[in-house]
């Protein structure tokens, strides 16, 4: 059975990211993007991620470029395998951070024709983060296209030059995690 990322590991990583965000947000965005992309590639290869790496990936997936690069690397040829990988990863992630992983599982399911799996994963993403736009778009696309949806892999990636704005979605999650953590819901 898969176990959740240790709360202390995730808490420490979140504190580190929050502290570094004040100093040089654009540099941090670039570093988190490079790290998150490398970790997503490892997950795609089937590597096991320890708690520290899983915590880093869970946080980095809230950088849109990291999520989009992971999305673009899911193809019809690897979709069945990656649906399992992202679903398993999502089980390890606390609800406040699960939406991108659940979206990636849904996208992979949709690409290989597992619409019930896609809907289930999208429900997880949208329950965890109701305003998660890419999950809402995929959910709507599944209803409106006869062939089972659209391929979000064709979505253009944002510019490659790291910018402080890349941290905006992550800041919201870190704030929520802090509230979640203080309420004793983690660990």
C-alpha atoms as a PDB file:
ATOM      1  CA  UNK A   1       0.000   0.000   0.000  1.00  0.00           C
ATOM      2  CA  UNK A   2       1.210   3.488  -0.838  1.00  0.00           C
ATOM      3  CA  UNK A   3       1.843   5.820   2.046  1.00  0.00           C
ATOM      4  CA  UNK A   4       1.365   9.546   2.136  1.00  0.00           C
ATOM      5  CA  UNK A   5       4.371  11.816   2.021  1.00  0.00           C
ATOM      6  CA  UNK A   6       5.563  12.273   5.607  1.00  0.00           C
ATOM      7  CA  UNK A   7       4.038  15.463   6.955  1.00  0.00           C
ATOM      8  CA  UNK A   8       7.342  16.619   8.446  1.00  0.00           C
ATOM      9  CA  UNK A   9       9.091  16.242   5.093  1.00  0.00           C
ATOM     10  CA  UNK A  10       6.427  18.195   3.255  1.00  0.00           C
ATOM     11  CA  UNK A  11       6.239  20.810   6.004  1.00  0.00           C
ATOM     12  CA  UNK A  12      10.008  21.370   5.879  1.00  0.00           C
ATOM     13  CA  UNK A  13      10.035  21.693   2.095  1.00  0.00           C
ATOM     14  CA  UNK A  14       7.115  24.147   2.130  1.00  0.00           C
ATOM     15  CA  UNK A  15       8.841  26.260   4.777  1.00  0.00           C
ATOM     16  CA  UNK A  16      12.034  26.284   2.716  1.00  0.00           C
ATOM     17  CA  UNK A  17      10.198  27.322  -0.457  1.00  0.00           C
ATOM     18  CA  UNK A  18       8.256  30.041   1.375  1.00  0.00           C
ATOM     19  CA  UNK A  19      11.451  31.425   2.892  1.00  0.00           C
ATOM     20  CA  UNK A  20      13.307  31.452  -0.432  1.00  0.00           C
ATOM     21  CA  UNK A  21      10.377  33.025  -2.314  1.00  0.00           C
ATOM     22  CA  UNK A  22      10.970  36.367  -0.614  1.00  0.00           C
ATOM     23  CA  UNK A  23      14.615  36.666  -1.672  1.00  0.00           C
ATOM     24  CA  UNK A  24      14.502  36.077  -5.452  1.00  0.00           C
ATOM     25  CA  UNK A  25      11.171  34.738  -6.715  1.00  0.00           C
ATOM     26  CA  UNK A  26      12.194  34.494 -10.381  1.00  0.00           C
ATOM     27  CA  UNK A  27      15.307  32.486  -9.510  1.00  0.00           C
ATOM     28  CA  UNK A  28      13.247  30.240  -7.236  1.00  0.00           C
ATOM     29  CA  UNK A  29      10.682  29.739 -10.011  1.00  0.00           C
ATOM     30  CA  UNK A  30      13.470  28.674 -12.357  1.00  0.00           C
ATOM     31  CA  UNK A  31      14.990  26.328  -9.807  1.00  0.00           C
ATOM     32  CA  UNK A  32      11.624  24.751  -8.891  1.00  0.00           C
ATOM     33  CA  UNK A  33      10.816  24.356 -12.589  1.00  0.00           C
ATOM     34  CA  UNK A  34      14.076  22.576 -13.383  1.00  0.00           C
ATOM     35  CA  UNK A  35      13.803  20.381 -10.287  1.00  0.00           C
ATOM     36  CA  UNK A  36      10.109  19.604 -10.797  1.00  0.00           C
ATOM     37  CA  UNK A  37      10.568  18.763 -14.464  1.00  0.00           C
ATOM     38  CA  UNK A  38      13.431  16.394 -13.649  1.00  0.00           C
ATOM     39  CA  UNK A  39      11.342  14.729 -10.918  1.00  0.00           C
ATOM     40  CA  UNK A  40       8.329  14.377 -13.239  1.00  0.00           C
ATOM     41  CA  UNK A  41      10.626  12.783 -15.821  1.00  0.00           C
ATOM     42  CA  UNK A  42      11.831  10.317 -13.169  1.00  0.00           C
ATOM     43  CA  UNK A  43       8.226   9.476 -12.286  1.00  0.00           C
ATOM     44  CA  UNK A  44       7.486   8.984 -16.000  1.00  0.00           C
ATOM     45  CA  UNK A  45      10.406   6.545 -16.239  1.00  0.00           C
ATOM     46  CA  UNK A  46       8.916   4.566 -13.360  1.00  0.00           C
ATOM     47  CA  UNK A  47      11.462   5.554 -10.703  1.00  0.00           C
ATOM     48  CA  UNK A  48      10.306   5.402  -7.105  1.00  0.00           C
ATOM     49  CA  UNK A  49      10.393   8.797  -5.443  1.00  0.00           C
ATOM     50  CA  UNK A  50      11.314   8.947  -1.771  1.00  0.00           C
ATOM     51  CA  UNK A  51       9.378  11.303   0.498  1.00  0.00           C
ATOM     52  CA  UNK A  52      11.737  14.231  -0.062  1.00  0.00           C
ATOM     53  CA  UNK A  53      11.522  13.933  -3.855  1.00  0.00           C
ATOM     54  CA  UNK A  54       7.759  13.352  -3.761  1.00  0.00           C
ATOM     55  CA  UNK A  55       7.309  16.467  -1.597  1.00  0.00           C
ATOM     56  CA  UNK A  56       9.424  18.506  -4.004  1.00  0.00           C
ATOM     57  CA  UNK A  57       7.392  17.265  -6.982  1.00  0.00           C
ATOM     58  CA  UNK A  58       4.035  17.857  -5.241  1.00  0.00           C
ATOM     59  CA  UNK A  59       5.017  21.473  -4.647  1.00  0.00           C
ATOM     60  CA  UNK A  60       6.675  22.024  -8.049  1.00  0.00           C
ATOM     61  CA  UNK A  61       3.591  20.805  -9.935  1.00  0.00           C
ATOM     62  CA  UNK A  62       1.930  24.054  -8.887  1.00  0.00           C
ATOM     63  CA  UNK A  63       4.333  25.865 -11.198  1.00  0.00           C
ATOM     64  CA  UNK A  64       2.257  25.872 -14.381  1.00  0.00           C
ATOM     65  CA  UNK A  65       5.258  25.189 -16.605  1.00  0.00           C
ATOM     66  CA  UNK A  66       6.139  22.026 -14.649  1.00  0.00           C
ATOM     67  CA  UNK A  67       2.578  20.736 -14.896  1.00  0.00           C
ATOM     68  CA  UNK A  68       2.384  21.640 -18.589  1.00  0.00           C
ATOM     69  CA  UNK A  69       5.696  19.980 -19.410  1.00  0.00           C
ATOM     70  CA  UNK A  70       4.534  16.809 -17.633  1.00  0.00           C
ATOM     71  CA  UNK A  71       1.259  17.025 -19.577  1.00  0.00           C
ATOM     72  CA  UNK A  72       3.070  17.406 -22.890  1.00  0.00           C
ATOM     73  CA  UNK A  73       5.129  14.288 -22.193  1.00  0.00           C
ATOM     74  CA  UNK A  74       2.054  12.078 -21.840  1.00  0.00           C
ATOM     75  CA  UNK A  75       1.322  10.502 -25.218  1.00  0.00           C
ATOM     76  CA  UNK A  76      -1.122   7.910 -26.435  1.00  0.00           C
ATOM     77  CA  UNK A  77       1.755   5.403 -26.379  1.00  0.00           C
ATOM     78  CA  UNK A  78       2.632   5.889 -22.689  1.00  0.00           C
ATOM     79  CA  UNK A  79      -0.748   7.072 -21.372  1.00  0.00           C
ATOM     80  CA  UNK A  80      -1.886   3.788 -19.769  1.00  0.00           C
ATOM     81  CA  UNK A  81       1.346   3.450 -17.801  1.00  0.00           C
ATOM     82  CA  UNK A  82       1.441   7.113 -16.803  1.00  0.00           C
ATOM     83  CA  UNK A  83      -2.196   7.058 -15.674  1.00  0.00           C
ATOM     84  CA  UNK A  84      -1.109   4.496 -13.103  1.00  0.00           C
ATOM     85  CA  UNK A  85       2.046   6.444 -12.168  1.00  0.00           C
ATOM     86  CA  UNK A  86       0.198   9.742 -11.640  1.00  0.00           C
ATOM     87  CA  UNK A  87      -2.677   8.041  -9.815  1.00  0.00           C
ATOM     88  CA  UNK A  88      -0.238   6.349  -7.450  1.00  0.00           C
ATOM     89  CA  UNK A  89       1.572   9.637  -6.910  1.00  0.00           C
ATOM     90  CA  UNK A  90      -1.737  11.387  -6.179  1.00  0.00           C
ATOM     91  CA  UNK A  91      -2.469   8.897  -3.396  1.00  0.00           C
ATOM     92  CA  UNK A  92       0.723  10.038  -1.646  1.00  0.00           C
ATOM     93  CA  UNK A  93      -0.081  13.755  -1.845  1.00  0.00           C
ATOM     94  CA  UNK A  94      -2.190  15.597   0.761  1.00  0.00           C
ATOM     95  CA  UNK A  95      -5.440  17.045  -0.624  1.00  0.00           C
ATOM     96  CA  UNK A  96      -4.176  20.629  -0.687  1.00  0.00           C
ATOM     97  CA  UNK A  97      -1.509  19.628  -3.258  1.00  0.00           C
ATOM     98  CA  UNK A  98      -3.283  16.836  -5.189  1.00  0.00           C
ATOM     99  CA  UNK A  99      -5.032  18.717  -8.026  1.00  0.00           C
ATOM    100  CA  UNK A 100      -2.157  18.752 -10.574  1.00  0.00           C
ATOM    101  CA  UNK A 101      -1.337  15.068 -10.035  1.00  0.00           C
ATOM    102  CA  UNK A 102      -5.015  14.143 -10.346  1.00  0.00           C
ATOM    103  CA  UNK A 103      -5.293  16.227 -13.509  1.00  0.00           C
ATOM    104  CA  UNK A 104      -2.264  14.450 -15.003  1.00  0.00           C
ATOM    105  CA  UNK A 105      -3.818  11.072 -14.172  1.00  0.00           C
ATOM    106  CA  UNK A 106      -7.092  12.207 -15.786  1.00  0.00           C
ATOM    107  CA  UNK A 107      -5.319  13.427 -18.904  1.00  0.00           C
ATOM    108  CA  UNK A 108      -3.465  10.122 -19.247  1.00  0.00           C
ATOM    109  CA  UNK A 109      -6.693   8.158 -18.729  1.00  0.00           C
ATOM    110  CA  UNK A 110      -8.458  10.261 -21.346  1.00  0.00           C
ATOM    111  CA  UNK A 111      -5.667   9.702 -23.882  1.00  0.00           C
ATOM    112  CA  UNK A 112      -5.926   5.927 -23.716  1.00  0.00           C
ATOM    113  CA  UNK A 113      -9.716   5.886 -23.611  1.00  0.00           C
ATOM    114  CA  UNK A 114     -10.369   5.202 -19.933  1.00  0.00           C
ATOM    115  CA  UNK A 115     -13.133   7.782 -19.528  1.00  0.00           C
ATOM    116  CA  UNK A 116     -14.393   6.476 -16.157  1.00  0.00           C
ATOM    117  CA  UNK A 117     -10.838   6.788 -14.820  1.00  0.00           C
ATOM    118  CA  UNK A 118     -10.541  10.283 -16.284  1.00  0.00           C
ATOM    119  CA  UNK A 119     -13.800  11.397 -14.660  1.00  0.00           C
ATOM    120  CA  UNK A 120     -12.760   9.913 -11.311  1.00  0.00           C
ATOM    121  CA  UNK A 121      -9.382  11.644 -11.379  1.00  0.00           C
ATOM    122  CA  UNK A 122     -10.981  14.943 -12.424  1.00  0.00           C
ATOM    123  CA  UNK A 123     -13.426  14.660  -9.536  1.00  0.00           C
ATOM    124  CA  UNK A 124     -10.448  14.290  -7.171  1.00  0.00           C
ATOM    125  CA  UNK A 125      -8.763  17.344  -8.719  1.00  0.00           C
ATOM    126  CA  UNK A 126     -11.885  19.500  -8.631  1.00  0.00           C
ATOM    127  CA  UNK A 127     -12.903  18.406  -5.135  1.00  0.00           C
ATOM    128  CA  UNK A 128      -9.442  19.349  -3.878  1.00  0.00           C
ATOM    129  CA  UNK A 129      -9.283  22.613  -5.823  1.00  0.00           C
ATOM    130  CA  UNK A 130     -12.642  23.653  -7.340  1.00  0.00           C
ATOM    131  CA  UNK A 131     -11.068  26.503  -9.317  1.00  0.00           C
ATOM    132  CA  UNK A 132      -8.469  24.315 -11.044  1.00  0.00           C
ATOM    133  CA  UNK A 133      -9.105  25.579 -14.590  1.00  0.00           C
ATOM    134  CA  UNK A 134      -7.272  22.950 -16.617  1.00  0.00           C
ATOM    135  CA  UNK A 135      -9.175  20.163 -14.843  1.00  0.00           C
ATOM    136  CA  UNK A 136     -12.440  22.015 -15.467  1.00  0.00           C
ATOM    137  CA  UNK A 137     -11.531  22.425 -19.155  1.00  0.00           C
ATOM    138  CA  UNK A 138     -10.730  18.729 -19.546  1.00  0.00           C
ATOM    139  CA  UNK A 139     -13.947  17.826 -17.713  1.00  0.00           C
ATOM    140  CA  UNK A 140     -15.963  20.014 -20.103  1.00  0.00           C
ATOM    141  CA  UNK A 141     -14.073  18.632 -23.100  1.00  0.00           C
ATOM    142  CA  UNK A 142     -14.944  15.071 -22.167  1.00  0.00           C
ATOM    143  CA  UNK A 143     -18.635  15.982 -22.384  1.00  0.00           C
ATOM    144  CA  UNK A 144     -18.456  17.859 -25.665  1.00  0.00           C
ATOM    145  CA  UNK A 145     -16.283  15.721 -27.912  1.00  0.00           C
ATOM    146  CA  UNK A 146     -17.460  12.454 -29.362  1.00  0.00           C
ATOM    147  CA  UNK A 147     -14.019  10.880 -29.387  1.00  0.00           C
ATOM    148  CA  UNK A 148     -13.637  11.202 -25.609  1.00  0.00           C
ATOM    149  CA  UNK A 149     -12.147  14.638 -25.201  1.00  0.00           C
ATOM    150  CA  UNK A 150      -9.396  16.806 -26.486  1.00  0.00           C
ATOM    151  CA  UNK A 151      -5.680  16.439 -26.208  1.00  0.00           C
ATOM    152  CA  UNK A 152      -4.406  19.069 -23.768  1.00  0.00           C
ATOM    153  CA  UNK A 153      -0.869  18.089 -24.783  1.00  0.00           C
ATOM    154  CA  UNK A 154      -1.259  20.646 -27.573  1.00  0.00           C
ATOM    155  CA  UNK A 155      -1.591  23.527 -25.104  1.00  0.00           C
ATOM    156  CA  UNK A 156       1.292  25.948 -25.618  1.00  0.00           C
ATOM    157  CA  UNK A 157       3.848  26.154 -22.838  1.00  0.00           C
ATOM    158  CA  UNK A 158       4.420  29.516 -21.170  1.00  0.00           C
ATOM    159  CA  UNK A 159       7.642  31.381 -21.973  1.00  0.00           C
ATOM    160  CA  UNK A 160      10.764  29.592 -20.790  1.00  0.00           C
ATOM    161  CA  UNK A 161      12.258  32.574 -18.933  1.00  0.00           C
ATOM    162  CA  UNK A 162      11.385  32.064 -15.250  1.00  0.00           C
ATOM    163  CA  UNK A 163       9.245  34.818 -13.784  1.00  0.00           C
ATOM    164  CA  UNK A 164       8.072  35.614 -10.269  1.00  0.00           C
ATOM    165  CA  UNK A 165       4.447  35.169 -11.445  1.00  0.00           C
ATOM    166  CA  UNK A 166       5.116  31.466 -11.895  1.00  0.00           C
ATOM    167  CA  UNK A 167       4.980  31.194  -8.094  1.00  0.00           C
ATOM    168  CA  UNK A 168       1.465  32.673  -7.741  1.00  0.00           C
ATOM    169  CA  UNK A 169      -0.478  29.361  -7.835  1.00  0.00           C
ATOM    170  CA  UNK A 170       2.088  27.833  -5.490  1.00  0.00           C
ATOM    171  CA  UNK A 171       1.797  30.685  -2.972  1.00  0.00           C
ATOM    172  CA  UNK A 172      -1.927  30.005  -2.632  1.00  0.00           C
ATOM    173  CA  UNK A 173      -1.278  26.309  -1.967  1.00  0.00           C
ATOM    174  CA  UNK A 174       1.463  27.084   0.581  1.00  0.00           C
ATOM    175  CA  UNK A 175      -0.901  29.431   2.424  1.00  0.00           C
ATOM    176  CA  UNK A 176      -3.626  26.778   2.431  1.00  0.00           C
ATOM    177  CA  UNK A 177      -1.146  24.109   3.521  1.00  0.00           C
ATOM    178  CA  UNK A 178      -0.095  26.305   6.427  1.00  0.00           C
ATOM    179  CA  UNK A 179      -3.741  26.647   7.503  1.00  0.00           C
ATOM    180  CA  UNK A 180      -4.301  22.922   6.933  1.00  0.00           C
ATOM    181  CA  UNK A 181      -1.169  22.091   8.915  1.00  0.00           C
ATOM    182  CA  UNK A 182      -2.086  24.374  11.836  1.00  0.00           C
ATOM    183  CA  UNK A 183      -5.503  22.739  12.031  1.00  0.00           C
ATOM    184  CA  UNK A 184      -3.762  19.423  12.732  1.00  0.00           C
ATOM    185  CA  UNK A 185      -4.980  17.854   9.508  1.00  0.00           C
ATOM    186  CA  UNK A 186      -1.510  16.849   8.318  1.00  0.00           C
ATOM    187  CA  UNK A 187       0.531  14.059   9.748  1.00  0.00           C
END
